[in-house]
Amino acid sequence: MTDISPATILVIAGHDPCGGAGIQADIETIRALGGFPATVITTLTVQDSCNIKEIYPVPADLIKRQAEAILHDYPVAAIKIGLLGSAENAHAVAQLLAEFPAIPVVLDTVLAAGGGAELSTNKLLDTIVRELLPHTLLTTPNSVEARRLTHENSLEVCANTLLRAGAQAVLITGGHETSDQVINTLYQEHQPAVSQSWTRLPGNYHGSGCTLAAAIATHLAQGKSITAAVGAAQQFTWETLNHSYQLGHGQLIPNRCYNQNRHDA
């Protein structure tokens, strides 16, 4: 007997050997929420829970061929994009997205590692804004990334700038701000902004942005609206942080299987 197939999410992102962020974070998130992840590696890294030490982008043509093989075989219901590694890779992914305009795209603009290592160039930033955002349903920059992408200070202005660049929706996360609460705000054209506040948990986390974007993509693939997907994904992400592990000497690792662990106890 064949089971009902889960919604398939294509993830285009980098590999994190310590398992906190990147492709592994996406796989864990998507499976925890009932989706099926297909993955394309954009970047190999040398990193631990403290920081990224080395980065090696995969050739752009190989990224495109990996993705096309999946897209011509599986019924992909959403695409989640993370670390790209180079402007050439961003350009190749933009070309790919143009071939499949009906698939919703969630873009996590990974510009720096949680430990502070720089992962972008001015050319990559420009390619993201000019070529990727026009194919993006939702982008999920944190406040630092939003300001870097737009050269603006006001987060509302940042969001409107990203919307004008082509994104249909923008979720700016507030984990890097100094407020007592983490405030995440969803902006969509011709709709009022929607903010949700979350208790700021102690510590720093490795892979929270990957978790959030992958969760949104999964909920979209399963048929939720943008607003509903964003709300459900924020709740899931907060729970993964609240149940996080201290595995290494650096950042905490989100526990994306917290529900399973609780049921197994």
C-alpha atoms as a PDB file:
ATOM      1  CA  MET A   1       0.000   0.000   0.000  1.00  0.00           C
ATOM      2  CA  THR A   2       1.306   3.449  -0.927  1.00  0.00           C
ATOM      3  CA  ASP A   3       0.986   6.199   1.682  1.00  0.00           C
ATOM      4  CA  ILE A   4      -0.242   9.660   0.767  1.00  0.00           C
ATOM      5  CA  SER A   5       2.794  11.625  -0.365  1.00  0.00           C
ATOM      6  CA  PRO A   6       3.871  14.578   1.794  1.00  0.00           C
ATOM      7  CA  ALA A   7       4.373  18.015   0.284  1.00  0.00           C
ATOM      8  CA  THR A   8       7.839  18.278  -1.267  1.00  0.00           C
ATOM      9  CA  ILE A   9      10.032  21.282  -0.474  1.00  0.00           C
ATOM     10  CA  LEU A  10      13.183  21.897  -2.515  1.00  0.00           C
ATOM     11  CA  VAL A  11      15.923  23.380  -0.349  1.00  0.00           C
ATOM     12  CA  ILE A  12      18.806  25.252  -1.992  1.00  0.00           C
ATOM     13  CA  ALA A  13      21.343  26.021   0.729  1.00  0.00           C
ATOM     14  CA  GLY A  14      24.758  25.383   2.241  1.00  0.00           C
ATOM     15  CA  HIS A  15      26.011  22.463   4.306  1.00  0.00           C
ATOM     16  CA  ASP A  16      26.824  22.967   7.984  1.00  0.00           C
ATOM     17  CA  PRO A  17      28.840  20.010   9.314  1.00  0.00           C
ATOM     18  CA  CYS A  18      27.903  20.768  12.930  1.00  0.00           C
ATOM     19  CA  GLY A  19      24.221  20.347  12.089  1.00  0.00           C
ATOM     20  CA  GLY A  20      22.894  23.528  13.628  1.00  0.00           C
ATOM     21  CA  ALA A  21      22.132  25.453  10.462  1.00  0.00           C
ATOM     22  CA  GLY A  22      22.021  24.993   6.701  1.00  0.00           C
ATOM     23  CA  ILE A  23      20.721  21.922   4.926  1.00  0.00           C
ATOM     24  CA  GLN A  24      20.495  19.773   8.054  1.00  0.00           C
ATOM     25  CA  ALA A  25      18.424  22.382   9.862  1.00  0.00           C
ATOM     26  CA  ASP A  26      16.121  22.547   6.854  1.00  0.00           C
ATOM     27  CA  ILE A  27      15.756  18.769   6.615  1.00  0.00           C
ATOM     28  CA  GLU A  28      14.967  18.418  10.319  1.00  0.00           C
ATOM     29  CA  THR A  29      12.438  21.255  10.202  1.00  0.00           C
ATOM     30  CA  ILE A  30      10.638  20.042   7.106  1.00  0.00           C
ATOM     31  CA  ARG A  31      10.391  16.461   8.350  1.00  0.00           C
ATOM     32  CA  ALA A  32       9.244  17.593  11.807  1.00  0.00           C
ATOM     33  CA  LEU A  33       6.380  19.481  10.155  1.00  0.00           C
ATOM     34  CA  GLY A  34       5.359  16.628   7.886  1.00  0.00           C
ATOM     35  CA  GLY A  35       6.960  17.690   4.609  1.00  0.00           C
ATOM     36  CA  PHE A  36       9.522  15.955   2.420  1.00  0.00           C
ATOM     37  CA  PRO A  37      12.845  17.749   1.765  1.00  0.00           C
ATOM     38  CA  ALA A  38      14.796  17.496  -1.475  1.00  0.00           C
ATOM     39  CA  THR A  39      18.135  19.277  -1.211  1.00  0.00           C
ATOM     40  CA  VAL A  40      20.650  21.098  -3.377  1.00  0.00           C
ATOM     41  CA  ILE A  41      24.012  21.988  -1.838  1.00  0.00           C
ATOM     42  CA  THR A  42      25.289  25.458  -2.741  1.00  0.00           C
ATOM     43  CA  THR A  43      28.246  25.710  -0.399  1.00  0.00           C
ATOM     44  CA  LEU A  44      30.550  23.500   1.629  1.00  0.00           C
ATOM     45  CA  THR A  45      31.789  24.981   4.884  1.00  0.00           C
ATOM     46  CA  VAL A  46      34.201  24.343   7.700  1.00  0.00           C
ATOM     47  CA  GLN A  47      32.404  25.446  10.850  1.00  0.00           C
ATOM     48  CA  ASP A  48      31.461  24.599  14.401  1.00  0.00           C
ATOM     49  CA  SER A  49      28.943  25.987  16.855  1.00  0.00           C
ATOM     50  CA  CYS A  50      31.140  29.067  17.356  1.00  0.00           C
ATOM     51  CA  ASN A  51      31.641  30.325  13.801  1.00  0.00           C
ATOM     52  CA  ILE A  52      32.322  29.548  10.146  1.00  0.00           C
ATOM     53  CA  LYS A  53      36.017  29.146   9.425  1.00  0.00           C
ATOM     54  CA  GLU A  54      36.069  28.379   5.666  1.00  0.00           C
ATOM     55  CA  ILE A  55      33.545  28.531   2.826  1.00  0.00           C
ATOM     56  CA  TYR A  56      33.688  26.795  -0.563  1.00  0.00           C
ATOM     57  CA  PRO A  57      30.879  27.615  -3.026  1.00  0.00           C
ATOM     58  CA  VAL A  58      29.749  24.812  -5.330  1.00  0.00           C
ATOM     59  CA  PRO A  59      30.026  25.661  -9.067  1.00  0.00           C
ATOM     60  CA  ALA A  60      26.925  27.518 -10.243  1.00  0.00           C
ATOM     61  CA  ASP A  61      26.172  25.184 -13.152  1.00  0.00           C
ATOM     62  CA  LEU A  62      26.200  22.184 -10.785  1.00  0.00           C
ATOM     63  CA  ILE A  63      23.686  23.886  -8.503  1.00  0.00           C
ATOM     64  CA  LYS A  64      21.361  24.494 -11.433  1.00  0.00           C
ATOM     65  CA  ARG A  65      21.680  20.914 -12.677  1.00  0.00           C
ATOM     66  CA  GLN A  66      21.015  19.501  -9.204  1.00  0.00           C
ATOM     67  CA  ALA A  67      17.845  21.559  -8.874  1.00  0.00           C
ATOM     68  CA  GLU A  68      16.565  20.905 -12.388  1.00  0.00           C
ATOM     69  CA  ALA A  69      16.892  17.148 -11.863  1.00  0.00           C
ATOM     70  CA  ILE A  70      14.552  17.385  -8.866  1.00  0.00           C
ATOM     71  CA  LEU A  71      12.152  19.894 -10.378  1.00  0.00           C
ATOM     72  CA  HIS A  72      11.615  17.759 -13.476  1.00  0.00           C
ATOM     73  CA  ASP A  73      10.947  14.674 -11.346  1.00  0.00           C
ATOM     74  CA  TYR A  74       9.217  15.665  -8.084  1.00  0.00           C
ATOM     75  CA  PRO A  75       6.033  17.736  -7.622  1.00  0.00           C
ATOM     76  CA  VAL A  76       7.828  20.483  -5.715  1.00  0.00           C
ATOM     77  CA  ALA A  77       5.321  22.556  -3.748  1.00  0.00           C
ATOM     78  CA  ALA A  78       7.726  25.212  -2.401  1.00  0.00           C
ATOM     79  CA  ILE A  79      11.361  26.249  -2.668  1.00  0.00           C
ATOM     80  CA  LYS A  80      13.437  27.441   0.289  1.00  0.00           C
ATOM     81  CA  ILE A  81      16.696  29.274  -0.453  1.00  0.00           C
ATOM     82  CA  GLY A  82      19.429  29.814   2.126  1.00  0.00           C
ATOM     83  CA  LEU A  83      23.170  30.430   1.899  1.00  0.00           C
ATOM     84  CA  LEU A  84      24.210  30.902  -1.734  1.00  0.00           C
ATOM     85  CA  GLY A  85      27.934  31.464  -1.350  1.00  0.00           C
ATOM     86  CA  SER A  86      28.552  33.662  -4.390  1.00  0.00           C
ATOM     87  CA  ALA A  87      26.927  36.100  -6.795  1.00  0.00           C
ATOM     88  CA  GLU A  88      27.364  33.518  -9.557  1.00  0.00           C
ATOM     89  CA  ASN A  89      25.317  31.035  -7.555  1.00  0.00           C
ATOM     90  CA  ALA A  90      22.619  33.626  -6.892  1.00  0.00           C
ATOM     91  CA  HIS A  91      22.446  34.387 -10.621  1.00  0.00           C
ATOM     92  CA  ALA A  92      22.117  30.685 -11.480  1.00  0.00           C
ATOM     93  CA  VAL A  93      19.329  30.231  -8.930  1.00  0.00           C
ATOM     94  CA  ALA A  94      17.497  33.283 -10.300  1.00  0.00           C
ATOM     95  CA  GLN A  95      17.649  31.756 -13.785  1.00  0.00           C
ATOM     96  CA  LEU A  96      16.280  28.523 -12.362  1.00  0.00           C
ATOM     97  CA  LEU A  97      13.386  30.245 -10.598  1.00  0.00           C
ATOM     98  CA  ALA A  98      12.412  31.982 -13.832  1.00  0.00           C
ATOM     99  CA  GLU A  99      11.799  28.536 -15.335  1.00  0.00           C
ATOM    100  CA  PHE A 100       9.359  27.586 -12.542  1.00  0.00           C
ATOM    101  CA  PRO A 101       7.375  30.749 -11.745  1.00  0.00           C
ATOM    102  CA  ALA A 102       4.392  28.936 -10.208  1.00  0.00           C
ATOM    103  CA  ILE A 103       6.339  27.504  -7.264  1.00  0.00           C
ATOM    104  CA  PRO A 104       6.348  29.724  -4.139  1.00  0.00           C
ATOM    105  CA  VAL A 105       9.837  30.740  -3.032  1.00  0.00           C
ATOM    106  CA  VAL A 106      10.989  31.575   0.498  1.00  0.00           C
ATOM    107  CA  LEU A 107      14.334  33.392   0.516  1.00  0.00           C
ATOM    108  CA  ASP A 108      16.404  33.422   3.704  1.00  0.00           C
ATOM    109  CA  THR A 109      19.003  36.106   3.021  1.00  0.00           C
ATOM    110  CA  VAL A 110      21.996  34.563   4.783  1.00  0.00           C
ATOM    111  CA  LEU A 111      24.637  37.316   4.708  1.00  0.00           C
ATOM    112  CA  ALA A 112      26.691  36.463   7.800  1.00  0.00           C
ATOM    113  CA  ALA A 113      27.106  33.541  10.162  1.00  0.00           C
ATOM    114  CA  GLY A 114      25.616  33.648  13.637  1.00  0.00           C
ATOM    115  CA  GLY A 115      29.175  33.778  14.961  1.00  0.00           C
ATOM    116  CA  GLY A 116      29.894  36.866  12.856  1.00  0.00           C
ATOM    117  CA  ALA A 117      31.771  35.452   9.842  1.00  0.00           C
ATOM    118  CA  GLU A 118      31.034  37.377   6.651  1.00  0.00           C
ATOM    119  CA  LEU A 119      29.280  35.286   3.975  1.00  0.00           C
ATOM    120  CA  SER A 120      28.475  37.866   1.319  1.00  0.00           C
ATOM    121  CA  THR A 121      29.964  40.432  -1.027  1.00  0.00           C
ATOM    122  CA  ASN A 122      28.560  43.636  -2.475  1.00  0.00           C
ATOM    123  CA  LYS A 123      28.078  41.804  -5.762  1.00  0.00           C
ATOM    124  CA  LEU A 124      26.084  39.069  -4.036  1.00  0.00           C
ATOM    125  CA  LEU A 125      23.907  41.625  -2.238  1.00  0.00           C
ATOM    126  CA  ASP A 126      23.195  43.358  -5.541  1.00  0.00           C
ATOM    127  CA  THR A 127      22.347  40.072  -7.262  1.00  0.00           C
ATOM    128  CA  ILE A 128      19.949  39.096  -4.486  1.00  0.00           C
ATOM    129  CA  VAL A 129      18.077  42.396  -4.743  1.00  0.00           C
ATOM    130  CA  ARG A 130      18.065  42.716  -8.530  1.00  0.00           C
ATOM    131  CA  GLU A 131      17.653  39.092  -9.620  1.00  0.00           C
ATOM    132  CA  LEU A 132      16.288  36.942  -6.789  1.00  0.00           C
ATOM    133  CA  LEU A 133      13.710  39.161  -5.100  1.00  0.00           C
ATOM    134  CA  PRO A 134      11.536  39.439  -8.247  1.00  0.00           C
ATOM    135  CA  HIS A 135      11.028  35.653  -8.053  1.00  0.00           C
ATOM    136  CA  THR A 136      10.421  35.580  -4.288  1.00  0.00           C
ATOM    137  CA  LEU A 137       7.081  35.116  -2.563  1.00  0.00           C
ATOM    138  CA  LEU A 138       8.526  35.843   0.888  1.00  0.00           C
ATOM    139  CA  THR A 139      11.947  36.898   2.136  1.00  0.00           C
ATOM    140  CA  THR A 140      12.946  36.604   5.798  1.00  0.00           C
ATOM    141  CA  PRO A 141      15.854  38.955   6.602  1.00  0.00           C
ATOM    142  CA  ASN A 142      16.752  39.747  10.161  1.00  0.00           C
ATOM    143  CA  SER A 143      16.977  43.445  10.980  1.00  0.00           C
ATOM    144  CA  VAL A 144      20.710  43.594  10.256  1.00  0.00           C
ATOM    145  CA  GLU A 145      20.296  41.913   6.865  1.00  0.00           C
ATOM    146  CA  ALA A 146      17.339  44.128   5.953  1.00  0.00           C
ATOM    147  CA  ARG A 147      19.415  47.247   6.569  1.00  0.00           C
ATOM    148  CA  ARG A 148      22.390  45.859   4.624  1.00  0.00           C
ATOM    149  CA  LEU A 149      20.244  44.942   1.632  1.00  0.00           C
ATOM    150  CA  THR A 150      18.541  48.326   1.420  1.00  0.00           C
ATOM    151  CA  HIS A 151      21.011  50.812   2.971  1.00  0.00           C
ATOM    152  CA  GLU A 152      18.111  52.147   5.054  1.00  0.00           C
ATOM    153  CA  ASN A 153      17.722  52.404   8.830  1.00  0.00           C
ATOM    154  CA  SER A 154      13.967  52.305   9.411  1.00  0.00           C
ATOM    155  CA  LEU A 155      12.780  48.700   9.220  1.00  0.00           C
ATOM    156  CA  GLU A 156       9.490  49.798   7.675  1.00  0.00           C
ATOM    157  CA  VAL A 157      11.403  51.607   4.934  1.00  0.00           C
ATOM    158  CA  CYS A 158      13.611  48.537   4.510  1.00  0.00           C
ATOM    159  CA  ALA A 159      10.547  46.352   4.026  1.00  0.00           C
ATOM    160  CA  ASN A 160       8.956  48.706   1.518  1.00  0.00           C
ATOM    161  CA  THR A 161      12.229  48.868  -0.417  1.00  0.00           C
ATOM    162  CA  LEU A 162      12.381  45.062  -0.611  1.00  0.00           C
ATOM    163  CA  LEU A 163       8.737  44.942  -1.703  1.00  0.00           C
ATOM    164  CA  ARG A 164       9.457  47.439  -4.470  1.00  0.00           C
ATOM    165  CA  ALA A 165      12.401  45.278  -5.537  1.00  0.00           C
ATOM    166  CA  GLY A 166       9.978  42.445  -6.260  1.00  0.00           C
ATOM    167  CA  ALA A 167       9.341  40.395  -3.120  1.00  0.00           C
ATOM    168  CA  GLN A 168       5.637  39.820  -2.533  1.00  0.00           C
ATOM    169  CA  ALA A 169       6.069  39.712   1.237  1.00  0.00           C
ATOM    170  CA  VAL A 170       8.828  40.531   3.728  1.00  0.00           C
ATOM    171  CA  LEU A 171       9.212  39.155   7.249  1.00  0.00           C
ATOM    172  CA  ILE A 172      11.798  41.147   9.217  1.00  0.00           C
ATOM    173  CA  THR A 173      12.874  39.372  12.384  1.00  0.00           C
ATOM    174  CA  GLY A 174      13.976  41.231  15.489  1.00  0.00           C
ATOM    175  CA  GLY A 175      16.332  38.860  17.216  1.00  0.00           C
ATOM    176  CA  HIS A 176      19.257  41.246  16.696  1.00  0.00           C
ATOM    177  CA  GLU A 177      17.448  44.239  18.193  1.00  0.00           C
ATOM    178  CA  THR A 178      17.783  45.251  21.861  1.00  0.00           C
ATOM    179  CA  SER A 179      14.125  45.169  22.945  1.00  0.00           C
ATOM    180  CA  ASP A 180      12.969  42.915  25.781  1.00  0.00           C
ATOM    181  CA  GLN A 181      10.704  41.087  23.349  1.00  0.00           C
ATOM    182  CA  VAL A 182      11.670  39.722  19.940  1.00  0.00           C
ATOM    183  CA  ILE A 183       9.338  41.457  17.497  1.00  0.00           C
ATOM    184  CA  ASN A 184       8.926  39.977  14.020  1.00  0.00           C
ATOM    185  CA  THR A 185       6.923  41.966  11.482  1.00  0.00           C
ATOM    186  CA  LEU A 186       5.311  40.746   8.261  1.00  0.00           C
ATOM    187  CA  TYR A 187       4.891  43.295   5.481  1.00  0.00           C
ATOM    188  CA  GLN A 188       2.758  42.744   2.375  1.00  0.00           C
ATOM    189  CA  GLU A 189       1.712  45.189  -0.306  1.00  0.00           C
ATOM    190  CA  HIS A 190      -1.642  46.877   0.289  1.00  0.00           C
ATOM    191  CA  GLN A 191      -2.018  45.198   3.690  1.00  0.00           C
ATOM    192  CA  PRO A 192      -1.295  46.453   7.199  1.00  0.00           C
ATOM    193  CA  ALA A 193       1.924  45.186   8.758  1.00  0.00           C
ATOM    194  CA  VAL A 194       1.444  42.314  11.207  1.00  0.00           C
ATOM    195  CA  SER A 195       3.802  42.082  14.203  1.00  0.00           C
ATOM    196  CA  GLN A 196       4.192  39.195  16.609  1.00  0.00           C
ATOM    197  CA  SER A 197       6.148  39.420  19.864  1.00  0.00           C
ATOM    198  CA  TRP A 198       8.035  36.561  21.470  1.00  0.00           C
ATOM    199  CA  THR A 199       9.741  36.218  24.821  1.00  0.00           C
ATOM    200  CA  ARG A 200      13.458  36.780  24.281  1.00  0.00           C
ATOM    201  CA  LEU A 201      15.189  33.582  25.353  1.00  0.00           C
ATOM    202  CA  PRO A 202      18.674  33.662  26.925  1.00  0.00           C
ATOM    203  CA  GLY A 203      21.656  32.680  24.809  1.00  0.00           C
ATOM    204  CA  ASN A 204      22.566  32.755  21.128  1.00  0.00           C
ATOM    205  CA  TYR A 205      21.243  30.216  18.649  1.00  0.00           C
ATOM    206  CA  HIS A 206      22.776  28.567  15.594  1.00  0.00           C
ATOM    207  CA  GLY A 207      20.282  28.043  12.784  1.00  0.00           C
ATOM    208  CA  SER A 208      17.206  29.902  13.994  1.00  0.00           C
ATOM    209  CA  GLY A 209      16.809  31.753  10.689  1.00  0.00           C
ATOM    210  CA  CYS A 210      17.138  28.537   8.674  1.00  0.00           C
ATOM    211  CA  THR A 211      14.536  26.899  10.900  1.00  0.00           C
ATOM    212  CA  LEU A 212      12.069  29.750  10.498  1.00  0.00           C
ATOM    213  CA  ALA A 213      12.360  29.986   6.708  1.00  0.00           C
ATOM    214  CA  ALA A 214      12.148  26.213   6.229  1.00  0.00           C
ATOM    215  CA  ALA A 215       9.089  26.062   8.479  1.00  0.00           C
ATOM    216  CA  ILE A 216       7.376  28.815   6.491  1.00  0.00           C
ATOM    217  CA  ALA A 217       8.156  27.036   3.215  1.00  0.00           C
ATOM    218  CA  THR A 218       6.724  23.795   4.585  1.00  0.00           C
ATOM    219  CA  HIS A 219       3.496  25.417   5.730  1.00  0.00           C
ATOM    220  CA  LEU A 220       3.136  27.174   2.358  1.00  0.00           C
ATOM    221  CA  ALA A 221       3.698  23.863   0.570  1.00  0.00           C
ATOM    222  CA  GLN A 222       0.921  22.374   2.687  1.00  0.00           C
ATOM    223  CA  GLY A 223      -1.521  25.047   1.543  1.00  0.00           C
ATOM    224  CA  LYS A 224      -1.435  27.713   4.242  1.00  0.00           C
ATOM    225  CA  SER A 225      -1.646  31.411   3.404  1.00  0.00           C
ATOM    226  CA  ILE A 226       1.421  33.603   3.866  1.00  0.00           C
ATOM    227  CA  THR A 227       0.065  35.058   7.105  1.00  0.00           C
ATOM    228  CA  ALA A 228      -0.905  31.665   8.533  1.00  0.00           C
ATOM    229  CA  ALA A 229       2.377  30.057   7.459  1.00  0.00           C
ATOM    230  CA  VAL A 230       4.422  32.832   9.055  1.00  0.00           C
ATOM    231  CA  GLY A 231       2.487  32.631  12.316  1.00  0.00           C
ATOM    232  CA  ALA A 232       2.754  28.848  12.605  1.00  0.00           C
ATOM    233  CA  ALA A 233       6.440  28.880  11.673  1.00  0.00           C
ATOM    234  CA  GLN A 234       7.262  31.472  14.324  1.00  0.00           C
ATOM    235  CA  GLN A 235       5.593  29.363  17.007  1.00  0.00           C
ATOM    236  CA  PHE A 236       7.501  26.253  15.885  1.00  0.00           C
ATOM    237  CA  THR A 237      10.814  28.116  15.761  1.00  0.00           C
ATOM    238  CA  TRP A 238      10.375  29.618  19.224  1.00  0.00           C
ATOM    239  CA  GLU A 239       9.695  26.138  20.624  1.00  0.00           C
ATOM    240  CA  THR A 240      12.841  24.735  18.971  1.00  0.00           C
ATOM    241  CA  LEU A 241      14.867  27.479  20.657  1.00  0.00           C
ATOM    242  CA  ASN A 242      13.155  26.970  23.997  1.00  0.00           C
ATOM    243  CA  HIS A 243      14.124  23.266  23.835  1.00  0.00           C
ATOM    244  CA  SER A 244      17.624  23.881  22.426  1.00  0.00           C
ATOM    245  CA  TYR A 245      20.795  21.895  23.119  1.00  0.00           C
ATOM    246  CA  GLN A 246      24.247  23.019  24.268  1.00  0.00           C
ATOM    247  CA  LEU A 247      26.299  20.549  22.224  1.00  0.00           C
ATOM    248  CA  GLY A 248      29.485  22.531  21.641  1.00  0.00           C
ATOM    249  CA  HIS A 249      31.400  25.494  23.001  1.00  0.00           C
ATOM    250  CA  GLY A 250      29.450  28.129  21.092  1.00  0.00           C
ATOM    251  CA  GLN A 251      25.850  28.784  20.127  1.00  0.00           C
ATOM    252  CA  LEU A 252      22.900  26.688  21.232  1.00  0.00           C
ATOM    253  CA  ILE A 253      21.448  24.249  18.688  1.00  0.00           C
ATOM    254  CA  PRO A 254      17.669  24.406  18.111  1.00  0.00           C
ATOM    255  CA  ASN A 255      15.870  21.167  18.934  1.00  0.00           C
ATOM    256  CA  ARG A 256      13.686  20.757  15.891  1.00  0.00           C
ATOM    257  CA  CYS A 257      12.506  17.338  17.099  1.00  0.00           C
ATOM    258  CA  TYR A 258      11.286  18.614  20.469  1.00  0.00           C
ATOM    259  CA  ASN A 259       7.807  17.179  19.898  1.00  0.00           C
ATOM    260  CA  GLN A 260       9.134  13.718  19.106  1.00  0.00           C
ATOM    261  CA  ASN A 261      11.492  13.824  22.080  1.00  0.00           C
ATOM    262  CA  ARG A 262       8.627  14.758  24.371  1.00  0.00           C
ATOM    263  CA  HIS A 263       6.473  11.912  23.073  1.00  0.00           C
ATOM    264  CA  ASP A 264       9.348   9.439  23.461  1.00  0.00           C
ATOM    265  CA  ALA A 265       9.983  10.420  27.086  1.00  0.00           C
END
